[in-house]
């Protein structure tokens, strides 16, 4: 899995979403050369490793009007860029959009995320 290289991070939000625990990390120091703004990690049950990540990465061309943040989904079988936006700087906007993506990808459409932290 091509998971984010997280050296240190601070958990800012935690949710229960069906059988999954979802954590949003901030103040991320990475060891893979990517400038992460926020990372959502999705863990199933008692599995020690997240199976899905949604990232908001600062784009190299930040400040040029093309979108300062790139959203990416990272799963066990690869990763895909989902788009760019300035909106993902805000943790609320990022959380809402990332939870919607997780809901669709993991087929949790009948579940409602419950914020724990």
N, C-alpha and C. Protein backbone atom coordinates (compact mmCIF):
# COMPACT_ATOMS: atom_id res chain seq x y z
N UNK A 1 0.84 -1.19 0.00
CA UNK A 1 0.00 0.00 0.00
C UNK A 1 0.88 1.24 0.00
N UNK A 2 0.51 2.20 -0.78
CA UNK A 2 1.25 3.44 -0.90
C UNK A 2 0.70 4.46 0.10
N UNK A 3 0.81 4.16 1.39
CA UNK A 3 0.19 5.00 2.40
C UNK A 3 1.04 6.23 2.69
N UNK A 4 0.40 7.29 3.22
CA UNK A 4 1.16 8.50 3.55
C UNK A 4 2.26 8.22 4.57
N UNK A 5 3.39 8.86 4.38
CA UNK A 5 4.52 8.72 5.29
C UNK A 5 4.38 9.71 6.44
N UNK A 6 3.71 9.31 7.49
CA UNK A 6 3.43 10.20 8.61
C UNK A 6 4.50 9.99 9.68
N UNK A 7 5.31 11.03 9.92
CA UNK A 7 6.30 10.96 10.99
C UNK A 7 5.64 11.38 12.30
N UNK A 8 4.95 12.53 12.30
CA UNK A 8 4.18 12.98 13.45
C UNK A 8 2.92 13.67 12.95
N UNK A 9 1.88 13.65 13.78
CA UNK A 9 0.62 14.33 13.47
C UNK A 9 -0.20 14.44 14.74
N UNK A 10 -1.14 15.38 14.72
CA UNK A 10 -2.03 15.57 15.86
C UNK A 10 -3.46 15.24 15.43
N UNK A 11 -4.11 14.30 16.13
CA UNK A 11 -5.52 14.00 15.82
C UNK A 11 -6.40 15.19 16.19
N UNK A 12 -7.23 15.63 15.25
CA UNK A 12 -8.13 16.77 15.50
C UNK A 12 -9.59 16.36 15.56
N UNK A 13 -9.95 15.29 14.87
CA UNK A 13 -11.33 14.81 14.86
C UNK A 13 -11.32 13.29 14.88
N UNK A 14 -12.36 12.74 15.49
CA UNK A 14 -12.52 11.28 15.50
C UNK A 14 -14.01 11.01 15.32
N UNK A 15 -14.32 10.03 14.47
CA UNK A 15 -15.71 9.66 14.19
C UNK A 15 -15.85 8.15 14.29
N UNK A 16 -17.06 7.71 14.60
CA UNK A 16 -17.47 6.31 14.46
C UNK A 16 -18.39 6.32 13.25
N UNK A 17 -18.07 5.46 12.27
CA UNK A 17 -18.84 5.43 11.02
C UNK A 17 -19.11 3.97 10.70
N UNK A 18 -20.26 3.46 11.16
CA UNK A 18 -20.54 2.04 11.03
C UNK A 18 -19.52 1.26 11.85
N UNK A 19 -18.87 0.29 11.21
CA UNK A 19 -17.85 -0.51 11.90
C UNK A 19 -16.46 0.12 11.82
N UNK A 20 -16.37 1.34 11.32
CA UNK A 20 -15.09 2.01 11.10
C UNK A 20 -14.86 3.14 12.09
N UNK A 21 -13.60 3.36 12.42
CA UNK A 21 -13.17 4.54 13.16
C UNK A 21 -12.45 5.44 12.16
N UNK A 22 -12.81 6.71 12.18
CA UNK A 22 -12.23 7.68 11.25
C UNK A 22 -11.55 8.76 12.06
N UNK A 23 -10.29 9.06 11.73
CA UNK A 23 -9.52 10.07 12.43
C UNK A 23 -9.01 11.08 11.41
N UNK A 24 -9.14 12.36 11.74
CA UNK A 24 -8.56 13.42 10.90
C UNK A 24 -7.33 13.95 11.62
N UNK A 25 -6.20 13.91 10.92
CA UNK A 25 -4.92 14.35 11.45
C UNK A 25 -4.56 15.72 10.88
N UNK A 26 -3.90 16.54 11.72
CA UNK A 26 -3.46 17.88 11.34
C UNK A 26 -2.02 18.05 11.83
N UNK A 27 -1.42 19.16 11.48
CA UNK A 27 -0.04 19.46 11.88
C UNK A 27 0.87 18.28 11.58
N UNK A 28 0.84 17.85 10.33
CA UNK A 28 1.51 16.63 9.90
C UNK A 28 2.93 16.91 9.45
N UNK A 29 3.83 16.14 9.96
CA UNK A 29 5.21 16.11 9.48
C UNK A 29 5.36 14.78 8.74
N UNK A 30 5.73 14.85 7.47
CA UNK A 30 5.82 13.62 6.69
C UNK A 30 7.27 13.27 6.41
N UNK A 31 7.47 12.00 6.09
CA UNK A 31 8.80 11.54 5.71
C UNK A 31 8.80 11.01 4.28
N UNK A 32 7.79 11.45 3.50
CA UNK A 32 7.73 11.00 2.10
C UNK A 32 7.79 12.16 1.10
N UNK A 33 8.10 13.37 1.59
CA UNK A 33 8.26 14.50 0.69
C UNK A 33 6.98 15.20 0.29
N UNK A 34 5.83 14.76 0.80
CA UNK A 34 4.55 15.39 0.46
C UNK A 34 4.15 16.32 1.60
N UNK A 35 3.67 17.50 1.24
CA UNK A 35 3.25 18.50 2.22
C UNK A 35 1.76 18.30 2.51
N UNK A 36 1.46 17.46 3.50
CA UNK A 36 0.08 17.17 3.86
C UNK A 36 -0.49 18.29 4.72
N UNK A 37 -1.70 18.73 4.40
CA UNK A 37 -2.41 19.69 5.23
C UNK A 37 -3.29 18.94 6.23
N UNK A 38 -4.09 17.99 5.73
CA UNK A 38 -4.96 17.15 6.55
C UNK A 38 -4.95 15.73 5.99
N UNK A 39 -5.10 14.76 6.86
CA UNK A 39 -5.23 13.36 6.45
C UNK A 39 -6.37 12.73 7.23
N UNK A 40 -7.27 12.07 6.49
CA UNK A 40 -8.31 11.26 7.12
C UNK A 40 -7.88 9.80 7.00
N UNK A 41 -7.79 9.12 8.14
CA UNK A 41 -7.43 7.70 8.16
C UNK A 41 -8.65 6.90 8.60
N UNK A 42 -8.95 5.83 7.87
CA UNK A 42 -10.14 5.02 8.13
C UNK A 42 -9.69 3.62 8.53
N UNK A 43 -10.08 3.20 9.74
CA UNK A 43 -9.68 1.91 10.30
C UNK A 43 -10.92 1.06 10.51
N UNK A 44 -10.85 -0.19 10.09
CA UNK A 44 -11.97 -1.12 10.29
C UNK A 44 -11.78 -1.90 11.58
N UNK A 45 -12.77 -1.82 12.45
CA UNK A 45 -12.76 -2.61 13.68
C UNK A 45 -11.48 -2.47 14.48
N UNK A 46 -10.83 -3.59 14.77
CA UNK A 46 -9.61 -3.59 15.57
C UNK A 46 -8.35 -3.71 14.71
N UNK A 47 -8.49 -3.59 13.40
CA UNK A 47 -7.33 -3.63 12.50
C UNK A 47 -6.37 -2.51 12.90
N UNK A 48 -5.08 -2.81 13.10
CA UNK A 48 -4.16 -1.76 13.55
C UNK A 48 -3.80 -0.75 12.45
N UNK A 49 -4.00 -1.09 11.18
CA UNK A 49 -3.61 -0.20 10.09
C UNK A 49 -4.83 0.31 9.34
N UNK A 50 -4.84 1.62 9.03
CA UNK A 50 -5.92 2.15 8.20
C UNK A 50 -5.94 1.47 6.83
N UNK A 51 -7.12 1.27 6.30
CA UNK A 51 -7.27 0.68 4.97
C UNK A 51 -7.53 1.72 3.90
N UNK A 52 -7.94 2.92 4.34
CA UNK A 52 -8.23 4.02 3.42
C UNK A 52 -7.71 5.31 4.03
N UNK A 53 -7.10 6.13 3.19
CA UNK A 53 -6.71 7.48 3.57
C UNK A 53 -7.30 8.45 2.56
N UNK A 54 -7.75 9.59 3.05
CA UNK A 54 -8.09 10.72 2.19
C UNK A 54 -7.16 11.84 2.63
N UNK A 55 -6.43 12.42 1.68
CA UNK A 55 -5.47 13.45 2.03
C UNK A 55 -5.82 14.78 1.37
N UNK A 56 -5.47 15.86 2.05
CA UNK A 56 -5.48 17.19 1.46
C UNK A 56 -4.02 17.62 1.47
N UNK A 57 -3.43 17.68 0.28
CA UNK A 57 -2.01 17.99 0.14
C UNK A 57 -1.85 19.38 -0.46
N UNK A 58 -0.91 20.15 0.09
CA UNK A 58 -0.63 21.46 -0.50
C UNK A 58 0.01 21.23 -1.86
N UNK A 59 -0.52 21.91 -2.86
CA UNK A 59 0.00 21.74 -4.22
C UNK A 59 1.25 22.57 -4.40
N UNK A 60 2.17 22.09 -5.25
CA UNK A 60 3.40 22.86 -5.50
C UNK A 60 3.11 24.25 -6.08
N UNK A 61 2.01 24.39 -6.84
CA UNK A 61 1.67 25.66 -7.45
C UNK A 61 0.72 26.48 -6.58
N UNK A 62 0.72 26.26 -5.27
CA UNK A 62 -0.18 26.98 -4.36
C UNK A 62 -0.03 28.48 -4.54
N UNK A 63 -1.16 29.17 -4.51
CA UNK A 63 -1.15 30.61 -4.66
C UNK A 63 -1.28 31.09 -6.09
N UNK A 64 -1.40 30.18 -7.04
CA UNK A 64 -1.50 30.56 -8.44
C UNK A 64 -2.95 30.61 -8.92
N UNK A 65 -3.91 30.32 -8.03
CA UNK A 65 -5.31 30.35 -8.41
C UNK A 65 -5.83 29.06 -8.99
N UNK A 66 -4.99 28.01 -9.04
CA UNK A 66 -5.41 26.73 -9.62
C UNK A 66 -5.93 25.76 -8.57
N UNK A 67 -5.92 26.16 -7.32
CA UNK A 67 -6.33 25.28 -6.22
C UNK A 67 -5.10 24.96 -5.40
N UNK A 68 -5.14 25.39 -4.16
CA UNK A 68 -3.96 25.22 -3.29
C UNK A 68 -3.84 23.85 -2.67
N UNK A 69 -4.92 23.04 -2.72
CA UNK A 69 -4.92 21.73 -2.09
C UNK A 69 -5.42 20.67 -3.06
N UNK A 70 -4.74 19.55 -3.08
CA UNK A 70 -5.14 18.40 -3.88
C UNK A 70 -5.71 17.36 -2.94
N UNK A 71 -6.88 16.81 -3.29
CA UNK A 71 -7.45 15.72 -2.50
C UNK A 71 -7.12 14.41 -3.19
N UNK A 72 -6.64 13.46 -2.40
CA UNK A 72 -6.25 12.15 -2.93
C UNK A 72 -6.85 11.07 -2.05
N UNK A 73 -7.29 9.98 -2.67
CA UNK A 73 -7.70 8.80 -1.92
C UNK A 73 -6.61 7.75 -2.09
N UNK A 74 -6.22 7.15 -0.98
CA UNK A 74 -5.19 6.11 -0.98
C UNK A 74 -5.80 4.86 -0.38
N UNK A 75 -5.78 3.78 -1.16
CA UNK A 75 -6.31 2.49 -0.70
C UNK A 75 -5.23 1.44 -0.90
N UNK A 76 -5.50 0.24 -0.47
CA UNK A 76 -4.51 -0.84 -0.56
C UNK A 76 -4.08 -1.12 -2.00
N UNK A 77 -4.97 -0.88 -2.96
CA UNK A 77 -4.65 -1.19 -4.35
C UNK A 77 -4.19 0.02 -5.16
N UNK A 78 -3.91 1.15 -4.51
CA UNK A 78 -3.38 2.31 -5.23
C UNK A 78 -4.00 3.60 -4.74
N UNK A 79 -3.70 4.67 -5.46
CA UNK A 79 -4.22 5.98 -5.09
C UNK A 79 -4.71 6.72 -6.32
N UNK A 80 -5.56 7.72 -6.07
CA UNK A 80 -6.11 8.50 -7.17
C UNK A 80 -6.36 9.92 -6.69
N UNK A 81 -5.97 10.89 -7.52
CA UNK A 81 -6.25 12.29 -7.24
C UNK A 81 -7.72 12.55 -7.56
N UNK A 82 -8.42 13.20 -6.62
CA UNK A 82 -9.84 13.45 -6.79
C UNK A 82 -10.14 14.87 -7.24
N UNK A 83 -9.18 15.77 -7.10
CA UNK A 83 -9.38 17.15 -7.54
C UNK A 83 -8.53 18.11 -6.76
N UNK A 84 -8.66 19.40 -7.09
CA UNK A 84 -7.96 20.45 -6.36
C UNK A 84 -8.96 21.53 -5.98
N UNK A 85 -8.69 22.18 -4.85
CA UNK A 85 -9.59 23.22 -4.36
C UNK A 85 -8.89 24.01 -3.26
N UNK A 86 -9.29 25.26 -3.12
CA UNK A 86 -8.84 26.06 -1.98
C UNK A 86 -9.70 25.78 -0.75
N UNK A 87 -10.86 25.18 -0.96
CA UNK A 87 -11.83 24.93 0.12
C UNK A 87 -11.31 23.94 1.16
N UNK A 88 -10.42 23.03 0.78
CA UNK A 88 -9.98 21.97 1.69
C UNK A 88 -9.00 22.46 2.74
N UNK A 89 -8.73 23.74 2.75
CA UNK A 89 -7.94 24.31 3.84
C UNK A 89 -8.74 24.24 5.14
N UNK A 90 -10.07 24.38 5.02
CA UNK A 90 -10.98 24.36 6.16
C UNK A 90 -11.27 22.92 6.57
N UNK A 91 -11.02 22.58 7.83
CA UNK A 91 -11.20 21.20 8.29
C UNK A 91 -12.66 20.76 8.18
N UNK A 92 -13.62 21.68 8.37
CA UNK A 92 -15.04 21.32 8.25
C UNK A 92 -15.38 20.87 6.83
N UNK A 93 -14.94 21.66 5.85
CA UNK A 93 -15.20 21.34 4.44
C UNK A 93 -14.52 20.03 4.07
N UNK A 94 -13.25 19.89 4.46
CA UNK A 94 -12.51 18.66 4.19
C UNK A 94 -13.22 17.46 4.82
N UNK A 95 -13.61 17.57 6.09
CA UNK A 95 -14.25 16.46 6.80
C UNK A 95 -15.53 16.04 6.10
N UNK A 96 -16.37 17.01 5.75
CA UNK A 96 -17.65 16.69 5.10
C UNK A 96 -17.45 16.00 3.76
N UNK A 97 -16.55 16.53 2.94
CA UNK A 97 -16.33 15.93 1.62
C UNK A 97 -15.65 14.57 1.72
N UNK A 98 -14.67 14.45 2.61
CA UNK A 98 -13.96 13.19 2.77
C UNK A 98 -14.89 12.11 3.34
N UNK A 99 -15.74 12.46 4.30
CA UNK A 99 -16.69 11.48 4.84
C UNK A 99 -17.68 11.03 3.76
N UNK A 100 -18.07 11.93 2.89
CA UNK A 100 -18.96 11.56 1.78
C UNK A 100 -18.27 10.56 0.85
N UNK A 101 -17.00 10.78 0.57
CA UNK A 101 -16.24 9.87 -0.28
C UNK A 101 -16.12 8.50 0.39
N UNK A 102 -15.78 8.49 1.68
CA UNK A 102 -15.66 7.24 2.42
C UNK A 102 -17.00 6.49 2.42
N UNK A 103 -18.08 7.21 2.59
CA UNK A 103 -19.41 6.61 2.58
C UNK A 103 -19.67 5.88 1.26
N UNK A 104 -19.32 6.52 0.15
CA UNK A 104 -19.57 5.91 -1.15
C UNK A 104 -18.61 4.74 -1.42
N UNK A 105 -17.34 4.93 -1.11
CA UNK A 105 -16.33 3.90 -1.40
C UNK A 105 -16.56 2.64 -0.56
N UNK A 106 -16.91 2.83 0.70
CA UNK A 106 -17.10 1.69 1.60
C UNK A 106 -18.56 1.26 1.71
N UNK A 107 -19.39 1.83 0.87
CA UNK A 107 -20.82 1.50 0.82
C UNK A 107 -21.48 1.62 2.19
N UNK A 108 -21.29 2.78 2.80
CA UNK A 108 -21.87 3.06 4.11
C UNK A 108 -23.03 4.03 4.00
N UNK A 109 -23.74 3.98 2.89
CA UNK A 109 -24.79 4.97 2.62
C UNK A 109 -25.93 4.92 3.64
N UNK A 110 -26.11 3.81 4.34
CA UNK A 110 -27.15 3.71 5.36
C UNK A 110 -26.64 4.12 6.75
N UNK A 111 -25.37 4.43 6.85
CA UNK A 111 -24.76 4.79 8.13
C UNK A 111 -24.60 6.31 8.23
N UNK A 112 -24.55 6.82 9.44
CA UNK A 112 -24.31 8.23 9.70
C UNK A 112 -23.06 8.33 10.56
N UNK A 113 -22.07 9.16 10.15
CA UNK A 113 -20.89 9.31 10.98
C UNK A 113 -21.23 10.02 12.28
N UNK A 114 -20.71 9.52 13.38
CA UNK A 114 -20.95 10.08 14.70
C UNK A 114 -19.64 10.64 15.22
N UNK A 115 -19.62 11.95 15.43
CA UNK A 115 -18.37 12.59 15.88
C UNK A 115 -18.10 12.28 17.35
N UNK A 116 -16.91 11.76 17.62
CA UNK A 116 -16.50 11.41 18.98
C UNK A 116 -15.59 12.48 19.59
N UNK A 117 -14.82 13.14 18.73
CA UNK A 117 -13.85 14.15 19.21
C UNK A 117 -13.77 15.26 18.22
